Amino acid sequence: MAISLNHTIVLTKDKWAAANFLADMVESEAKAFGPFVRVLTGETDIEFQNIEDNVANDRIPTTHLAFLMSEDELDVVLEKLKRHGVQPYQDMFYDEPGVNNLYGGRGCYIHDPVDGHQWEFITAPYSGKPAHQEKGGWKDFVDPTAVDA
């Protein structure tokens, strides 16, 4: 059996608001699941938990999740972002508004309006070398496939 990600927990100040926003973006449903509100994305559950229900942490750390989707699905997401008044950005540094064209597809980054989590929507999986970014730690990247001889 191939190993895959089954679920992850995202801490929030309002699990229903956060789950409903993401569910709207990815055309899924937010459903109660024990102390969580669950959103199914493909075969991975994103489970939202209110910060006060988490005994291990009393603050909301920023979470970054990337969602792979079709070109048509990204068009729907972009329309919904407009409706919610959420600005998409081309880059992970939130410097350039808009949509990027990396790895043979399109993509964008947003801060979710509930807690500021970083959601990324992409139409092509990242593979090979990281995209050349002029800012931050990606400028002088190391090729992870390179082997020292």
N, C-alpha and C. Protein backbone atom coordinates (compact mmCIF):
# COMPACT_ATOMS: atom_id res chain seq x y z
N MET A 1 0.85 -1.18 0.00
CA MET A 1 0.00 0.00 0.00
C MET A 1 0.89 1.24 0.00
N ALA A 2 0.59 2.18 -0.87
CA ALA A 2 1.33 3.44 -0.91
C ALA A 2 0.94 4.30 0.29
N ILE A 3 1.91 4.98 0.85
CA ILE A 3 1.63 5.87 1.98
C ILE A 3 1.03 7.16 1.44
N SER A 4 -0.01 7.62 2.09
CA SER A 4 -0.65 8.88 1.69
C SER A 4 -1.09 9.62 2.94
N LEU A 5 -1.33 10.91 2.79
CA LEU A 5 -1.81 11.72 3.90
C LEU A 5 -3.31 11.49 4.05
N ASN A 6 -3.75 11.02 5.22
CA ASN A 6 -5.16 10.75 5.48
C ASN A 6 -5.89 11.99 5.96
N HIS A 7 -5.30 12.71 6.93
CA HIS A 7 -5.94 13.91 7.45
C HIS A 7 -4.92 14.80 8.13
N THR A 8 -5.30 16.03 8.32
CA THR A 8 -4.51 16.97 9.10
C THR A 8 -5.46 17.84 9.91
N ILE A 9 -4.97 18.37 11.01
CA ILE A 9 -5.79 19.22 11.87
C ILE A 9 -5.28 20.65 11.76
N VAL A 10 -6.20 21.56 11.54
CA VAL A 10 -5.89 22.99 11.45
C VAL A 10 -6.58 23.68 12.62
N LEU A 11 -5.78 24.36 13.45
CA LEU A 11 -6.34 25.10 14.58
C LEU A 11 -6.91 26.43 14.11
N THR A 12 -8.01 26.83 14.73
CA THR A 12 -8.73 28.02 14.31
C THR A 12 -9.47 28.66 15.48
N LYS A 13 -9.87 29.90 15.30
CA LYS A 13 -10.70 30.55 16.33
C LYS A 13 -12.18 30.24 16.10
N ASP A 14 -12.55 29.79 14.89
CA ASP A 14 -13.95 29.47 14.57
C ASP A 14 -13.97 28.33 13.56
N LYS A 15 -14.09 27.10 14.07
CA LYS A 15 -13.97 25.93 13.20
C LYS A 15 -15.04 25.88 12.11
N TRP A 16 -16.23 26.34 12.40
CA TRP A 16 -17.28 26.31 11.37
C TRP A 16 -17.02 27.35 10.28
N ALA A 17 -16.64 28.56 10.67
CA ALA A 17 -16.36 29.60 9.66
C ALA A 17 -15.18 29.19 8.79
N ALA A 18 -14.11 28.69 9.41
CA ALA A 18 -12.92 28.29 8.65
C ALA A 18 -13.23 27.12 7.72
N ALA A 19 -13.93 26.12 8.23
CA ALA A 19 -14.26 24.95 7.41
C ALA A 19 -15.22 25.31 6.28
N ASN A 20 -16.20 26.15 6.57
CA ASN A 20 -17.14 26.54 5.52
C ASN A 20 -16.47 27.35 4.41
N PHE A 21 -15.50 28.22 4.76
CA PHE A 21 -14.78 28.97 3.74
C PHE A 21 -14.01 28.02 2.83
N LEU A 22 -13.24 27.10 3.42
CA LEU A 22 -12.47 26.16 2.61
C LEU A 22 -13.40 25.26 1.80
N ALA A 23 -14.46 24.77 2.41
CA ALA A 23 -15.40 23.90 1.69
C ALA A 23 -15.98 24.62 0.48
N ASP A 24 -16.28 25.90 0.62
CA ASP A 24 -16.78 26.68 -0.51
C ASP A 24 -15.73 26.76 -1.62
N MET A 25 -14.48 26.98 -1.25
CA MET A 25 -13.41 27.10 -2.25
C MET A 25 -13.21 25.81 -3.03
N VAL A 26 -13.24 24.67 -2.34
CA VAL A 26 -12.92 23.39 -2.99
C VAL A 26 -14.17 22.57 -3.33
N GLU A 27 -15.33 23.20 -3.25
CA GLU A 27 -16.60 22.56 -3.59
C GLU A 27 -16.79 21.24 -2.85
N SER A 28 -16.69 21.34 -1.52
CA SER A 28 -16.89 20.20 -0.65
C SER A 28 -17.92 20.60 0.40
N GLU A 29 -18.03 19.80 1.44
CA GLU A 29 -18.95 20.11 2.53
C GLU A 29 -18.19 20.13 3.85
N ALA A 30 -18.64 20.97 4.75
CA ALA A 30 -18.12 20.98 6.12
C ALA A 30 -19.08 20.16 6.97
N LYS A 31 -18.53 19.15 7.66
CA LYS A 31 -19.37 18.26 8.47
C LYS A 31 -18.75 18.08 9.85
N ALA A 32 -19.62 18.04 10.86
CA ALA A 32 -19.15 17.79 12.23
C ALA A 32 -18.54 16.40 12.30
N PHE A 33 -17.44 16.30 13.04
CA PHE A 33 -16.75 15.03 13.23
C PHE A 33 -16.08 15.08 14.60
N GLY A 34 -16.79 14.61 15.64
CA GLY A 34 -16.26 14.71 17.00
C GLY A 34 -16.02 16.17 17.35
N PRO A 35 -14.84 16.50 17.88
CA PRO A 35 -14.55 17.89 18.23
C PRO A 35 -14.13 18.74 17.03
N PHE A 36 -14.17 18.17 15.85
CA PHE A 36 -13.69 18.83 14.64
C PHE A 36 -14.83 19.15 13.68
N VAL A 37 -14.52 19.99 12.71
CA VAL A 37 -15.37 20.14 11.53
C VAL A 37 -14.49 19.72 10.36
N ARG A 38 -14.96 18.73 9.63
CA ARG A 38 -14.16 18.06 8.60
C ARG A 38 -14.55 18.53 7.21
N VAL A 39 -13.52 18.76 6.37
CA VAL A 39 -13.71 19.05 4.95
C VAL A 39 -12.91 18.01 4.19
N LEU A 40 -13.57 17.25 3.33
CA LEU A 40 -12.88 16.24 2.53
C LEU A 40 -12.36 16.88 1.25
N THR A 41 -11.05 16.74 1.02
CA THR A 41 -10.42 17.24 -0.21
C THR A 41 -9.73 16.05 -0.85
N GLY A 42 -10.28 15.55 -1.94
CA GLY A 42 -9.74 14.34 -2.54
C GLY A 42 -9.89 13.20 -1.55
N GLU A 43 -8.77 12.61 -1.15
CA GLU A 43 -8.81 11.53 -0.16
C GLU A 43 -8.24 11.97 1.18
N THR A 44 -8.05 13.27 1.36
CA THR A 44 -7.48 13.79 2.60
C THR A 44 -8.49 14.67 3.32
N ASP A 45 -8.69 14.39 4.59
CA ASP A 45 -9.57 15.23 5.41
C ASP A 45 -8.78 16.39 6.00
N ILE A 46 -9.35 17.58 5.92
CA ILE A 46 -8.83 18.74 6.63
C ILE A 46 -9.79 18.91 7.80
N GLU A 47 -9.29 18.74 9.02
CA GLU A 47 -10.14 18.80 10.20
C GLU A 47 -9.82 20.07 10.98
N PHE A 48 -10.82 20.91 11.16
CA PHE A 48 -10.65 22.18 11.86
C PHE A 48 -11.04 21.99 13.32
N GLN A 49 -10.21 22.54 14.21
CA GLN A 49 -10.45 22.44 15.64
C GLN A 49 -10.31 23.83 16.27
N ASN A 50 -11.26 24.19 17.12
CA ASN A 50 -11.16 25.46 17.83
C ASN A 50 -9.96 25.43 18.76
N ILE A 51 -9.25 26.54 18.82
CA ILE A 51 -8.03 26.62 19.61
C ILE A 51 -8.29 26.27 21.08
N GLU A 52 -9.42 26.68 21.63
CA GLU A 52 -9.68 26.41 23.05
C GLU A 52 -9.90 24.92 23.33
N ASP A 53 -10.15 24.12 22.29
CA ASP A 53 -10.33 22.68 22.46
C ASP A 53 -9.02 21.90 22.31
N ASN A 54 -7.92 22.59 22.06
CA ASN A 54 -6.64 21.93 21.85
C ASN A 54 -5.80 22.06 23.11
N VAL A 55 -5.54 20.94 23.78
CA VAL A 55 -4.81 20.99 25.05
C VAL A 55 -3.31 21.19 24.86
N ALA A 56 -2.79 20.94 23.66
CA ALA A 56 -1.35 21.01 23.44
C ALA A 56 -0.87 22.40 23.02
N ASN A 57 -1.78 23.29 22.72
CA ASN A 57 -1.37 24.57 22.15
C ASN A 57 -2.41 25.63 22.50
N ASP A 58 -1.96 26.83 22.82
CA ASP A 58 -2.90 27.91 23.12
C ASP A 58 -2.81 29.05 22.12
N ARG A 59 -2.18 28.81 20.99
CA ARG A 59 -2.11 29.82 19.93
C ARG A 59 -2.37 29.14 18.59
N ILE A 60 -2.69 29.93 17.60
CA ILE A 60 -2.99 29.39 16.28
C ILE A 60 -1.76 29.54 15.40
N PRO A 61 -1.04 28.44 15.14
CA PRO A 61 0.10 28.53 14.22
C PRO A 61 -0.41 28.62 12.78
N THR A 62 0.33 29.32 11.95
CA THR A 62 -0.07 29.42 10.55
C THR A 62 0.14 28.07 9.87
N THR A 63 -0.86 27.65 9.12
CA THR A 63 -0.80 26.40 8.36
C THR A 63 -0.77 26.73 6.89
N HIS A 64 0.06 26.01 6.13
CA HIS A 64 0.10 26.16 4.67
C HIS A 64 -0.30 24.82 4.07
N LEU A 65 -1.34 24.84 3.25
CA LEU A 65 -1.77 23.65 2.53
C LEU A 65 -1.96 24.01 1.07
N ALA A 66 -1.51 23.14 0.18
CA ALA A 66 -1.65 23.35 -1.27
C ALA A 66 -2.66 22.35 -1.82
N PHE A 67 -3.60 22.85 -2.62
CA PHE A 67 -4.65 22.02 -3.19
C PHE A 67 -4.47 21.93 -4.69
N LEU A 68 -4.30 20.70 -5.19
CA LEU A 68 -4.14 20.45 -6.62
C LEU A 68 -5.51 20.27 -7.24
N MET A 69 -5.78 20.98 -8.33
CA MET A 69 -7.10 20.96 -8.96
C MET A 69 -6.97 21.18 -10.46
N SER A 70 -8.08 21.05 -11.16
CA SER A 70 -8.08 21.27 -12.61
C SER A 70 -8.10 22.77 -12.91
N GLU A 71 -7.82 23.10 -14.16
CA GLU A 71 -7.89 24.51 -14.61
C GLU A 71 -9.29 25.08 -14.38
N ASP A 72 -10.32 24.31 -14.73
CA ASP A 72 -11.70 24.77 -14.55
C ASP A 72 -12.02 24.99 -13.08
N GLU A 73 -11.54 24.09 -12.22
CA GLU A 73 -11.78 24.25 -10.79
C GLU A 73 -11.08 25.49 -10.25
N LEU A 74 -9.88 25.79 -10.76
CA LEU A 74 -9.20 27.01 -10.32
C LEU A 74 -9.97 28.24 -10.76
N ASP A 75 -10.54 28.23 -11.95
CA ASP A 75 -11.37 29.36 -12.39
C ASP A 75 -12.53 29.59 -11.42
N VAL A 76 -13.15 28.51 -10.95
CA VAL A 76 -14.25 28.62 -9.99
C VAL A 76 -13.73 29.20 -8.67
N VAL A 77 -12.58 28.72 -8.20
CA VAL A 77 -11.98 29.24 -6.97
C VAL A 77 -11.72 30.74 -7.10
N LEU A 78 -11.16 31.16 -8.23
CA LEU A 78 -10.85 32.58 -8.42
C LEU A 78 -12.11 33.44 -8.38
N GLU A 79 -13.20 32.95 -8.95
CA GLU A 79 -14.47 33.68 -8.88
C GLU A 79 -14.97 33.77 -7.44
N LYS A 80 -14.84 32.67 -6.70
CA LYS A 80 -15.29 32.66 -5.30
C LYS A 80 -14.42 33.59 -4.45
N LEU A 81 -13.13 33.62 -4.71
CA LEU A 81 -12.26 34.54 -3.97
C LEU A 81 -12.69 35.97 -4.19
N LYS A 82 -13.04 36.29 -5.43
CA LYS A 82 -13.53 37.64 -5.75
C LYS A 82 -14.79 37.94 -4.94
N ARG A 83 -15.70 36.97 -4.90
CA ARG A 83 -16.96 37.13 -4.17
C ARG A 83 -16.71 37.35 -2.68
N HIS A 84 -15.70 36.67 -2.13
CA HIS A 84 -15.37 36.80 -0.70
C HIS A 84 -14.48 38.01 -0.42
N GLY A 85 -14.03 38.71 -1.46
CA GLY A 85 -13.14 39.85 -1.27
C GLY A 85 -11.74 39.44 -0.84
N VAL A 86 -11.31 38.24 -1.26
CA VAL A 86 -9.98 37.73 -0.90
C VAL A 86 -9.05 37.88 -2.11
N GLN A 87 -7.92 38.55 -1.91
CA GLN A 87 -6.95 38.80 -2.98
C GLN A 87 -6.04 37.59 -3.18
N PRO A 88 -5.99 37.01 -4.39
CA PRO A 88 -5.00 35.97 -4.67
C PRO A 88 -3.65 36.60 -5.02
N TYR A 89 -2.58 35.89 -4.70
CA TYR A 89 -1.23 36.36 -4.99
C TYR A 89 -0.47 35.32 -5.81
N GLN A 90 0.44 35.81 -6.65
CA GLN A 90 1.25 34.94 -7.50
C GLN A 90 2.34 34.23 -6.72
N ASP A 91 2.78 34.82 -5.63
CA ASP A 91 3.96 34.32 -4.93
C ASP A 91 3.69 34.07 -3.46
N MET A 92 4.53 33.21 -2.89
CA MET A 92 4.38 32.83 -1.49
C MET A 92 4.76 33.95 -0.52
N PHE A 93 5.27 35.05 -1.05
CA PHE A 93 5.63 36.19 -0.20
C PHE A 93 4.54 37.25 -0.21
N TYR A 94 3.48 37.01 -0.97
CA TYR A 94 2.32 37.90 -1.05
C TYR A 94 2.73 39.30 -1.53
N ASP A 95 3.66 39.34 -2.49
CA ASP A 95 4.10 40.61 -3.06
C ASP A 95 3.38 40.95 -4.36
N GLU A 96 3.07 39.95 -5.15
CA GLU A 96 2.51 40.17 -6.49
C GLU A 96 1.08 39.64 -6.57
N PRO A 97 0.08 40.53 -6.60
CA PRO A 97 -1.30 40.07 -6.76
C PRO A 97 -1.48 39.33 -8.08
N GLY A 98 -2.39 38.38 -8.09
CA GLY A 98 -2.71 37.67 -9.33
C GLY A 98 -2.45 36.18 -9.26
N VAL A 99 -2.27 35.59 -10.45
CA VAL A 99 -2.12 34.14 -10.61
C VAL A 99 -0.79 33.88 -11.30
N ASN A 100 -0.05 32.87 -10.82
CA ASN A 100 1.23 32.53 -11.44
C ASN A 100 1.07 31.46 -12.52
N ASN A 101 2.15 31.20 -13.23
CA ASN A 101 2.20 30.17 -14.27
C ASN A 101 3.43 29.30 -14.03
N LEU A 102 3.43 28.54 -12.94
CA LEU A 102 4.58 27.72 -12.59
C LEU A 102 4.33 26.25 -12.91
N TYR A 103 5.39 25.54 -13.25
CA TYR A 103 5.35 24.10 -13.47
C TYR A 103 4.35 23.66 -14.52
N GLY A 104 4.11 24.51 -15.51
CA GLY A 104 3.20 24.15 -16.58
C GLY A 104 1.73 24.30 -16.23
N GLY A 105 1.42 25.00 -15.16
CA GLY A 105 0.04 25.22 -14.77
C GLY A 105 -0.12 26.62 -14.20
N ARG A 106 -1.22 26.84 -13.53
CA ARG A 106 -1.48 28.12 -12.87
C ARG A 106 -1.62 27.87 -11.37
N GLY A 107 -1.45 28.94 -10.60
CA GLY A 107 -1.62 28.80 -9.17
C GLY A 107 -1.69 30.15 -8.48
N CYS A 108 -2.15 30.13 -7.24
CA CYS A 108 -2.19 31.34 -6.44
C CYS A 108 -2.15 30.98 -4.96
N TYR A 109 -1.82 31.99 -4.18
CA TYR A 109 -1.75 31.87 -2.73
C TYR A 109 -2.75 32.86 -2.13
N ILE A 110 -3.36 32.46 -1.01
CA ILE A 110 -4.24 33.39 -0.29
C ILE A 110 -4.01 33.24 1.21
N HIS A 111 -4.42 34.26 1.95
CA HIS A 111 -4.57 34.16 3.40
C HIS A 111 -6.06 33.95 3.64
N ASP A 112 -6.41 32.87 4.35
CA ASP A 112 -7.84 32.67 4.60
C ASP A 112 -8.35 33.78 5.51
N PRO A 113 -9.60 34.22 5.29
CA PRO A 113 -10.10 35.39 6.02
C PRO A 113 -10.45 35.13 7.48
N VAL A 114 -10.44 33.88 7.93
CA VAL A 114 -10.79 33.58 9.31
C VAL A 114 -9.57 33.70 10.22
N ASP A 115 -8.47 33.02 9.87
CA ASP A 115 -7.29 32.99 10.74
C ASP A 115 -5.99 33.37 10.04
N GLY A 116 -6.02 33.62 8.74
CA GLY A 116 -4.80 33.96 8.02
C GLY A 116 -3.97 32.77 7.58
N HIS A 117 -4.56 31.56 7.65
CA HIS A 117 -3.83 30.39 7.15
C HIS A 117 -3.52 30.60 5.68
N GLN A 118 -2.47 29.96 5.21
CA GLN A 118 -2.02 30.13 3.83
C GLN A 118 -2.51 28.96 2.99
N TRP A 119 -3.46 29.23 2.12
CA TRP A 119 -3.97 28.22 1.20
C TRP A 119 -3.36 28.50 -0.17
N GLU A 120 -2.96 27.44 -0.84
CA GLU A 120 -2.40 27.54 -2.18
C GLU A 120 -3.25 26.66 -3.09
N PHE A 121 -3.60 27.19 -4.24
CA PHE A 121 -4.41 26.46 -5.22
C PHE A 121 -3.58 26.34 -6.50
N ILE A 122 -3.31 25.10 -6.95
CA ILE A 122 -2.44 24.88 -8.11
C ILE A 122 -3.09 23.92 -9.10
N THR A 123 -2.73 24.07 -10.37
CA THR A 123 -3.28 23.18 -11.41
C THR A 123 -2.25 22.19 -11.93
N ALA A 124 -1.02 22.28 -11.48
CA ALA A 124 0.03 21.33 -11.86
C ALA A 124 0.85 21.01 -10.62
N PRO A 125 1.17 19.74 -10.40
CA PRO A 125 1.96 19.40 -9.22
C PRO A 125 3.38 19.94 -9.34
N TYR A 126 3.95 20.29 -8.21
CA TYR A 126 5.33 20.75 -8.19
C TYR A 126 6.23 19.54 -8.37
N SER A 127 7.17 19.65 -9.28
CA SER A 127 8.12 18.56 -9.49
C SER A 127 9.45 19.13 -9.94
N GLY A 128 10.51 18.36 -9.79
CA GLY A 128 11.82 18.83 -10.20
C GLY A 128 12.33 19.93 -9.29
N LYS A 129 13.01 20.88 -9.88
CA LYS A 129 13.59 21.99 -9.12
C LYS A 129 12.51 22.97 -8.68
N PRO A 130 12.70 23.60 -7.51
CA PRO A 130 11.76 24.64 -7.10
C PRO A 130 11.76 25.79 -8.12
N ALA A 131 10.63 26.43 -8.25
CA ALA A 131 10.52 27.58 -9.15
C ALA A 131 11.51 28.65 -8.71
N HIS A 132 12.15 29.30 -9.66
CA HIS A 132 13.12 30.34 -9.33
C HIS A 132 12.36 31.54 -8.77
N GLN A 133 12.59 31.80 -7.51
CA GLN A 133 11.97 32.94 -6.84
C GLN A 133 13.04 33.96 -6.54
N GLU A 134 12.76 35.21 -6.78
CA GLU A 134 13.74 36.28 -6.56
C GLU A 134 13.81 36.73 -5.11
N LYS A 135 12.85 36.35 -4.29
CA LYS A 135 12.83 36.83 -2.91
C LYS A 135 12.86 35.65 -1.95
N GLY A 136 13.26 35.91 -0.73
CA GLY A 136 13.24 34.88 0.30
C GLY A 136 14.26 33.78 0.06
N GLY A 137 14.04 32.67 0.72
CA GLY A 137 14.98 31.56 0.69
C GLY A 137 15.02 30.78 -0.61
N TRP A 138 14.19 31.10 -1.58
CA TRP A 138 14.15 30.33 -2.81
C TRP A 138 15.11 30.87 -3.86
N LYS A 139 15.75 31.99 -3.60
CA LYS A 139 16.60 32.61 -4.63
C LYS A 139 17.75 31.70 -5.04
N ASP A 140 18.50 31.19 -4.08
CA ASP A 140 19.65 30.34 -4.37
C ASP A 140 19.34 28.92 -3.90
N PHE A 141 18.38 28.29 -4.54
CA PHE A 141 17.95 26.97 -4.11
C PHE A 141 19.00 25.90 -4.41
N VAL A 142 18.90 24.82 -3.66
CA VAL A 142 19.76 23.66 -3.89
C VAL A 142 18.91 22.61 -4.58
N ASP A 143 19.41 22.03 -5.64
CA ASP A 143 18.69 20.99 -6.37
C ASP A 143 18.62 19.75 -5.48
N PRO A 144 17.41 19.37 -5.00
CA PRO A 144 17.30 18.22 -4.10
C PRO A 144 17.63 16.90 -4.79
N THR A 145 17.69 16.88 -6.13
CA THR A 145 18.00 15.65 -6.85
C THR A 145 19.49 15.52 -7.15
N ALA A 146 20.25 16.58 -6.87
CA ALA A 146 21.69 16.54 -7.15
C ALA A 146 22.39 15.60 -6.18
N VAL A 147 23.35 14.86 -6.69
CA VAL A 147 24.11 13.93 -5.87
C VAL A 147 25.57 14.36 -5.89
N ASP A 148 26.14 14.52 -4.69
CA ASP A 148 27.56 14.86 -4.62
C ASP A 148 28.38 13.65 -5.04
N ALA A 149 29.35 13.87 -5.93
CA ALA A 149 30.17 12.75 -6.39
C ALA A 149 31.47 12.68 -5.64
